[in-house]
Amino acid sequence: MSEISSTIKSDMTPAERFYKYFGQAYGQQPKDDSSKTQNEFVEEFIATVPDIIDELETNLIKHEIREFYIKIKNLKYLCEFSEEFNRFWLLMRAISGGLQRLLEEPTKDHAVDVYVYYYKQYGGRRKLRYESWFENHRWEFLDRLTKLTSDEDLNDFILEKIDALTSYFQLFKKELDYFIKELKKIRDTQSEK
């Protein structure tokens, strides 16, 4: 266990853990001649993440799934601080990954190729007594691919999954907005000390 993670307590909120971790990892620099400190990484996070979220939202609106898939990877580190971030990030990454493969050639024949790719990638379906929530989503996606009978069915499936991806993104965004508000409160409290 690192020195930094040993001071992070389990009863802290995700924002408190984030603030403390990055304050210790990057060091807090004096803002001026006073004894007040500033967490530069947190300041940059608060300033830049809303723009990243806006870009991701634009990608979804324009159905630019490949770009969304690539950009969402840059927020993976948030998974370390919140189970909610972890859940939504995994779902968004998985759905956008499957969709971007389907959208390379949105035909029923290509959907079969996508199914085969994932089947080879993850192996055959195992009958598990308590299949994890993530595995359930993966297999629901793949099972639906096997039931497509036409290109029109595939198009409907793609639109349905884009809607699901958008819903997960909105939940992630809402969680992130709250997270940023909490970070600002922590920052303001720290700067008053």
C-alpha atoms as a PDB file:
ATOM      1  CA  MET A   1       0.000   0.000   0.000  1.00  0.00           C
ATOM      2  CA  SER A   2       1.417   3.392  -0.958  1.00  0.00           C
ATOM      3  CA  GLU A   3       1.878   6.237   1.497  1.00  0.00           C
ATOM      4  CA  ILE A   4      -0.841   8.174  -0.287  1.00  0.00           C
ATOM      5  CA  SER A   5      -3.489   5.456  -0.307  1.00  0.00           C
ATOM      6  CA  SER A   6      -2.774   4.614   3.340  1.00  0.00           C
ATOM      7  CA  THR A   7      -4.098   8.045   4.367  1.00  0.00           C
ATOM      8  CA  ILE A   8      -7.287   7.715   2.307  1.00  0.00           C
ATOM      9  CA  LYS A   9     -10.058   6.563   4.612  1.00  0.00           C
ATOM     10  CA  SER A  10     -12.920   4.327   3.553  1.00  0.00           C
ATOM     11  CA  ASP A  11     -15.536   6.564   5.177  1.00  0.00           C
ATOM     12  CA  MET A  12     -14.605   9.519   2.960  1.00  0.00           C
ATOM     13  CA  THR A  13     -16.899  10.586   0.133  1.00  0.00           C
ATOM     14  CA  PRO A  14     -15.635   9.993  -3.415  1.00  0.00           C
ATOM     15  CA  ALA A  15     -14.846  13.712  -3.772  1.00  0.00           C
ATOM     16  CA  GLU A  16     -12.929  13.753  -0.472  1.00  0.00           C
ATOM     17  CA  ARG A  17     -10.875  10.719  -1.548  1.00  0.00           C
ATOM     18  CA  PHE A  18     -10.198  12.329  -4.939  1.00  0.00           C
ATOM     19  CA  TYR A  19      -9.185  15.660  -3.398  1.00  0.00           C
ATOM     20  CA  LYS A  20      -6.929  14.078  -0.822  1.00  0.00           C
ATOM     21  CA  TYR A  21      -5.351  11.612  -3.251  1.00  0.00           C
ATOM     22  CA  PHE A  22      -4.478  14.206  -5.872  1.00  0.00           C
ATOM     23  CA  GLY A  23      -3.464  16.740  -3.241  1.00  0.00           C
ATOM     24  CA  GLN A  24      -0.924  14.264  -1.907  1.00  0.00           C
ATOM     25  CA  ALA A  25       0.074  12.791  -5.263  1.00  0.00           C
ATOM     26  CA  TYR A  26       0.803  16.155  -6.867  1.00  0.00           C
ATOM     27  CA  GLY A  27       1.554  18.153  -3.761  1.00  0.00           C
ATOM     28  CA  GLN A  28      -0.226  21.298  -2.741  1.00  0.00           C
ATOM     29  CA  GLN A  29       1.496  24.496  -3.752  1.00  0.00           C
ATOM     30  CA  PRO A  30       1.159  27.807  -1.906  1.00  0.00           C
ATOM     31  CA  LYS A  31      -1.074  30.178  -3.882  1.00  0.00           C
ATOM     32  CA  ASP A  32       0.855  33.237  -2.759  1.00  0.00           C
ATOM     33  CA  ASP A  33       2.783  34.391   0.297  1.00  0.00           C
ATOM     34  CA  SER A  34      -0.003  33.251   2.631  1.00  0.00           C
ATOM     35  CA  SER A  35      -0.193  29.795   4.159  1.00  0.00           C
ATOM     36  CA  LYS A  36      -3.218  28.851   2.023  1.00  0.00           C
ATOM     37  CA  THR A  37      -2.705  25.989  -0.396  1.00  0.00           C
ATOM     38  CA  GLN A  38      -4.142  25.023  -3.740  1.00  0.00           C
ATOM     39  CA  ASN A  39      -4.658  21.592  -5.257  1.00  0.00           C
ATOM     40  CA  GLU A  40      -3.627  22.283  -8.864  1.00  0.00           C
ATOM     41  CA  PHE A  41      -4.845  18.982 -10.280  1.00  0.00           C
ATOM     42  CA  VAL A  42      -8.289  19.482  -8.753  1.00  0.00           C
ATOM     43  CA  GLU A  43      -8.410  23.039 -10.098  1.00  0.00           C
ATOM     44  CA  GLU A  44      -7.589  21.784 -13.587  1.00  0.00           C
ATOM     45  CA  PHE A  45     -10.129  18.964 -13.240  1.00  0.00           C
ATOM     46  CA  ILE A  46     -12.895  21.384 -12.214  1.00  0.00           C
ATOM     47  CA  ALA A  47     -12.014  23.701 -15.113  1.00  0.00           C
ATOM     48  CA  THR A  48     -11.636  21.126 -17.916  1.00  0.00           C
ATOM     49  CA  VAL A  49     -13.987  18.216 -17.228  1.00  0.00           C
ATOM     50  CA  PRO A  50     -17.185  20.161 -18.053  1.00  0.00           C
ATOM     51  CA  ASP A  51     -15.742  20.812 -21.541  1.00  0.00           C
ATOM     52  CA  ILE A  52     -14.915  17.120 -21.947  1.00  0.00           C
ATOM     53  CA  ILE A  53     -18.464  16.220 -20.914  1.00  0.00           C
ATOM     54  CA  ASP A  54     -19.865  18.728 -23.437  1.00  0.00           C
ATOM     55  CA  GLU A  55     -17.745  17.137 -26.196  1.00  0.00           C
ATOM     56  CA  LEU A  56     -18.961  13.664 -25.246  1.00  0.00           C
ATOM     57  CA  GLU A  57     -22.564  14.857 -25.230  1.00  0.00           C
ATOM     58  CA  THR A  58     -22.086  16.397 -28.690  1.00  0.00           C
ATOM     59  CA  ASN A  59     -20.621  13.100 -29.915  1.00  0.00           C
ATOM     60  CA  LEU A  60     -23.738  11.283 -28.722  1.00  0.00           C
ATOM     61  CA  ILE A  61     -26.130  13.821 -30.235  1.00  0.00           C
ATOM     62  CA  LYS A  62     -24.356  13.494 -33.594  1.00  0.00           C
ATOM     63  CA  HIS A  63     -24.124   9.683 -33.212  1.00  0.00           C
ATOM     64  CA  GLU A  64     -20.321   9.923 -33.381  1.00  0.00           C
ATOM     65  CA  ILE A  65     -19.951   6.732 -31.391  1.00  0.00           C
ATOM     66  CA  ARG A  66     -16.347   5.999 -32.350  1.00  0.00           C
ATOM     67  CA  GLU A  67     -15.226   9.405 -31.048  1.00  0.00           C
ATOM     68  CA  PHE A  68     -17.272   8.915 -27.881  1.00  0.00           C
ATOM     69  CA  TYR A  69     -15.677   5.475 -27.366  1.00  0.00           C
ATOM     70  CA  ILE A  70     -12.182   6.917 -27.686  1.00  0.00           C
ATOM     71  CA  LYS A  71     -12.768   9.996 -25.491  1.00  0.00           C
ATOM     72  CA  ILE A  72     -14.604   8.244 -22.653  1.00  0.00           C
ATOM     73  CA  LYS A  73     -11.437   6.222 -22.017  1.00  0.00           C
ATOM     74  CA  ASN A  74      -9.811   9.396 -20.665  1.00  0.00           C
ATOM     75  CA  LEU A  75     -12.202   9.402 -17.692  1.00  0.00           C
ATOM     76  CA  LYS A  76     -11.430   5.855 -16.579  1.00  0.00           C
ATOM     77  CA  TYR A  77      -9.404   7.029 -13.572  1.00  0.00           C
ATOM     78  CA  LEU A  78     -12.654   8.251 -11.974  1.00  0.00           C
ATOM     79  CA  CYS A  79     -13.659   4.595 -11.511  1.00  0.00           C
ATOM     80  CA  GLU A  80     -11.171   4.426  -8.637  1.00  0.00           C
ATOM     81  CA  PHE A  81     -13.126   6.952  -6.611  1.00  0.00           C
ATOM     82  CA  SER A  82     -16.772   5.956  -6.995  1.00  0.00           C
ATOM     83  CA  GLU A  83     -18.713   2.754  -7.591  1.00  0.00           C
ATOM     84  CA  GLU A  84     -21.242   4.814  -9.566  1.00  0.00           C
ATOM     85  CA  PHE A  85     -18.538   6.158 -11.870  1.00  0.00           C
ATOM     86  CA  ASN A  86     -17.228   2.613 -12.256  1.00  0.00           C
ATOM     87  CA  ARG A  87     -20.623   1.154 -13.171  1.00  0.00           C
ATOM     88  CA  PHE A  88     -21.597   3.862 -15.655  1.00  0.00           C
ATOM     89  CA  TRP A  89     -18.126   4.051 -17.209  1.00  0.00           C
ATOM     90  CA  LEU A  90     -18.037   0.284 -17.799  1.00  0.00           C
ATOM     91  CA  LEU A  91     -21.500   0.328 -19.366  1.00  0.00           C
ATOM     92  CA  MET A  92     -20.740   3.320 -21.592  1.00  0.00           C
ATOM     93  CA  ARG A  93     -17.422   1.906 -22.716  1.00  0.00           C
ATOM     94  CA  ALA A  94     -18.904  -1.530 -23.453  1.00  0.00           C
ATOM     95  CA  ILE A  95     -21.961  -0.252 -25.331  1.00  0.00           C
ATOM     96  CA  SER A  96     -20.017   2.343 -27.311  1.00  0.00           C
ATOM     97  CA  GLY A  97     -17.385  -0.285 -28.154  1.00  0.00           C
ATOM     98  CA  GLY A  98     -19.999  -2.700 -29.476  1.00  0.00           C
ATOM     99  CA  LEU A  99     -21.814   0.052 -31.346  1.00  0.00           C
ATOM    100  CA  GLN A 100     -18.688   1.426 -32.969  1.00  0.00           C
ATOM    101  CA  ARG A 101     -17.923  -2.060 -34.306  1.00  0.00           C
ATOM    102  CA  LEU A 102     -21.481  -2.432 -35.612  1.00  0.00           C
ATOM    103  CA  LEU A 103     -21.388   1.007 -37.227  1.00  0.00           C
ATOM    104  CA  GLU A 104     -18.258   0.176 -39.238  1.00  0.00           C
ATOM    105  CA  GLU A 105     -20.648  -1.610 -41.609  1.00  0.00           C
ATOM    106  CA  PRO A 106     -24.247  -1.500 -40.359  1.00  0.00           C
ATOM    107  CA  THR A 107     -25.520  -4.656 -42.064  1.00  0.00           C
ATOM    108  CA  LYS A 108     -26.954  -7.864 -40.661  1.00  0.00           C
ATOM    109  CA  ASP A 109     -24.038  -9.825 -42.146  1.00  0.00           C
ATOM    110  CA  HIS A 110     -21.518  -7.604 -40.377  1.00  0.00           C
ATOM    111  CA  ALA A 111     -23.494  -7.954 -37.126  1.00  0.00           C
ATOM    112  CA  VAL A 112     -22.737 -11.688 -37.322  1.00  0.00           C
ATOM    113  CA  ASP A 113     -19.030 -10.841 -37.666  1.00  0.00           C
ATOM    114  CA  VAL A 114     -19.257  -8.596 -34.596  1.00  0.00           C
ATOM    115  CA  TYR A 115     -20.915 -11.401 -32.638  1.00  0.00           C
ATOM    116  CA  VAL A 116     -18.164 -13.835 -33.673  1.00  0.00           C
ATOM    117  CA  TYR A 117     -15.487 -11.295 -32.696  1.00  0.00           C
ATOM    118  CA  TYR A 118     -16.898 -10.909 -29.186  1.00  0.00           C
ATOM    119  CA  TYR A 119     -17.523 -14.627 -28.842  1.00  0.00           C
ATOM    120  CA  LYS A 120     -13.858 -15.303 -29.662  1.00  0.00           C
ATOM    121  CA  GLN A 121     -12.713 -12.421 -27.470  1.00  0.00           C
ATOM    122  CA  TYR A 122     -14.600 -13.494 -24.354  1.00  0.00           C
ATOM    123  CA  GLY A 123     -15.127 -17.179 -24.962  1.00  0.00           C
ATOM    124  CA  GLY A 124     -18.336 -19.106 -24.870  1.00  0.00           C
ATOM    125  CA  ARG A 125     -21.068 -18.217 -22.503  1.00  0.00           C
ATOM    126  CA  ARG A 126     -20.613 -19.879 -19.186  1.00  0.00           C
ATOM    127  CA  LYS A 127     -23.597 -20.807 -17.101  1.00  0.00           C
ATOM    128  CA  LEU A 128     -22.893 -19.037 -13.859  1.00  0.00           C
ATOM    129  CA  ARG A 129     -25.136 -19.247 -10.878  1.00  0.00           C
ATOM    130  CA  TYR A 130     -24.718 -15.561 -10.093  1.00  0.00           C
ATOM    131  CA  GLU A 131     -23.664 -13.885 -13.292  1.00  0.00           C
ATOM    132  CA  SER A 132     -22.353 -10.383 -12.653  1.00  0.00           C
ATOM    133  CA  TRP A 133     -24.429  -7.399 -13.721  1.00  0.00           C
ATOM    134  CA  PHE A 134     -21.800  -6.510 -16.315  1.00  0.00           C
ATOM    135  CA  GLU A 135     -21.790  -9.993 -17.837  1.00  0.00           C
ATOM    136  CA  ASN A 136     -25.580  -9.831 -18.021  1.00  0.00           C
ATOM    137  CA  HIS A 137     -25.357  -6.646 -20.100  1.00  0.00           C
ATOM    138  CA  ARG A 138     -22.699  -8.113 -22.387  1.00  0.00           C
ATOM    139  CA  TRP A 139     -24.704 -11.256 -23.066  1.00  0.00           C
ATOM    140  CA  GLU A 140     -27.964  -9.363 -23.511  1.00  0.00           C
ATOM    141  CA  PHE A 141     -26.210  -7.317 -26.215  1.00  0.00           C
ATOM    142  CA  LEU A 142     -24.779 -10.415 -27.913  1.00  0.00           C
ATOM    143  CA  ASP A 143     -28.000 -12.429 -27.603  1.00  0.00           C
ATOM    144  CA  ARG A 144     -29.872  -9.635 -29.338  1.00  0.00           C
ATOM    145  CA  LEU A 145     -27.350  -9.677 -32.197  1.00  0.00           C
ATOM    146  CA  THR A 146     -28.182 -13.325 -32.882  1.00  0.00           C
ATOM    147  CA  LYS A 147     -31.897 -12.533 -33.171  1.00  0.00           C
ATOM    148  CA  LEU A 148     -31.615  -9.824 -35.825  1.00  0.00           C
ATOM    149  CA  THR A 149     -33.366 -10.851 -39.034  1.00  0.00           C
ATOM    150  CA  SER A 150     -32.806  -7.805 -41.252  1.00  0.00           C
ATOM    151  CA  ASP A 151     -30.818  -4.623 -41.687  1.00  0.00           C
ATOM    152  CA  GLU A 152     -33.885  -2.741 -40.450  1.00  0.00           C
ATOM    153  CA  ASP A 153     -33.834  -4.790 -37.219  1.00  0.00           C
ATOM    154  CA  LEU A 154     -30.152  -3.924 -36.866  1.00  0.00           C
ATOM    155  CA  ASN A 155     -30.867  -0.217 -37.355  1.00  0.00           C
ATOM    156  CA  ASP A 156     -33.580  -0.349 -34.666  1.00  0.00           C
ATOM    157  CA  PHE A 157     -31.170  -2.206 -32.366  1.00  0.00           C
ATOM    158  CA  ILE A 158     -28.444   0.406 -32.934  1.00  0.00           C
ATOM    159  CA  LEU A 159     -30.841   3.273 -32.198  1.00  0.00           C
ATOM    160  CA  GLU A 160     -32.065   1.488 -29.064  1.00  0.00           C
ATOM    161  CA  LYS A 161     -28.486   1.030 -27.839  1.00  0.00           C
ATOM    162  CA  ILE A 162     -27.621   4.663 -28.609  1.00  0.00           C
ATOM    163  CA  ASP A 163     -30.619   5.658 -26.462  1.00  0.00           C
ATOM    164  CA  ALA A 164     -29.371   3.372 -23.667  1.00  0.00           C
ATOM    165  CA  LEU A 165     -25.861   4.801 -24.004  1.00  0.00           C
ATOM    166  CA  THR A 166     -27.281   8.322 -23.803  1.00  0.00           C
ATOM    167  CA  SER A 167     -29.244   7.414 -20.661  1.00  0.00           C
ATOM    168  CA  TYR A 168     -26.149   5.987 -18.960  1.00  0.00           C
ATOM    169  CA  PHE A 169     -24.191   9.058 -20.017  1.00  0.00           C
ATOM    170  CA  GLN A 170     -26.818  11.383 -18.508  1.00  0.00           C
ATOM    171  CA  LEU A 171     -26.624   9.468 -15.212  1.00  0.00           C
ATOM    172  CA  PHE A 172     -22.811   9.629 -15.324  1.00  0.00           C
ATOM    173  CA  LYS A 173     -22.978  13.364 -16.075  1.00  0.00           C
ATOM    174  CA  LYS A 174     -25.375  13.980 -13.191  1.00  0.00           C
ATOM    175  CA  GLU A 175     -23.083  12.063 -10.826  1.00  0.00           C
ATOM    176  CA  LEU A 176     -20.091  14.015 -12.139  1.00  0.00           C
ATOM    177  CA  ASP A 177     -21.862  17.371 -11.710  1.00  0.00           C
ATOM    178  CA  TYR A 178     -22.542  16.529  -8.061  1.00  0.00           C
ATOM    179  CA  PHE A 179     -18.932  15.338  -7.672  1.00  0.00           C
ATOM    180  CA  ILE A 180     -17.585  18.636  -9.040  1.00  0.00           C
ATOM    181  CA  LYS A 181     -19.877  20.663  -6.745  1.00  0.00           C
ATOM    182  CA  GLU A 182     -18.576  18.683  -3.788  1.00  0.00           C
ATOM    183  CA  LEU A 183     -14.967  19.224  -4.926  1.00  0.00           C
ATOM    184  CA  LYS A 184     -15.612  22.970  -5.096  1.00  0.00           C
ATOM    185  CA  LYS A 185     -16.978  22.936  -1.534  1.00  0.00           C
ATOM    186  CA  ILE A 186     -13.916  21.034  -0.317  1.00  0.00           C
ATOM    187  CA  ARG A 187     -11.611  23.409  -2.189  1.00  0.00           C
ATOM    188  CA  ASP A 188     -13.362  26.459  -0.751  1.00  0.00           C
ATOM    189  CA  THR A 189     -13.225  24.996   2.763  1.00  0.00           C
ATOM    190  CA  GLN A 190      -9.510  24.235   2.352  1.00  0.00           C
ATOM    191  CA  SER A 191      -8.742  27.705   1.012  1.00  0.00           C
ATOM    192  CA  GLU A 192     -10.392  29.294   4.072  1.00  0.00           C
ATOM    193  CA  LYS A 193      -7.992  27.481   6.406  1.00  0.00           C
END
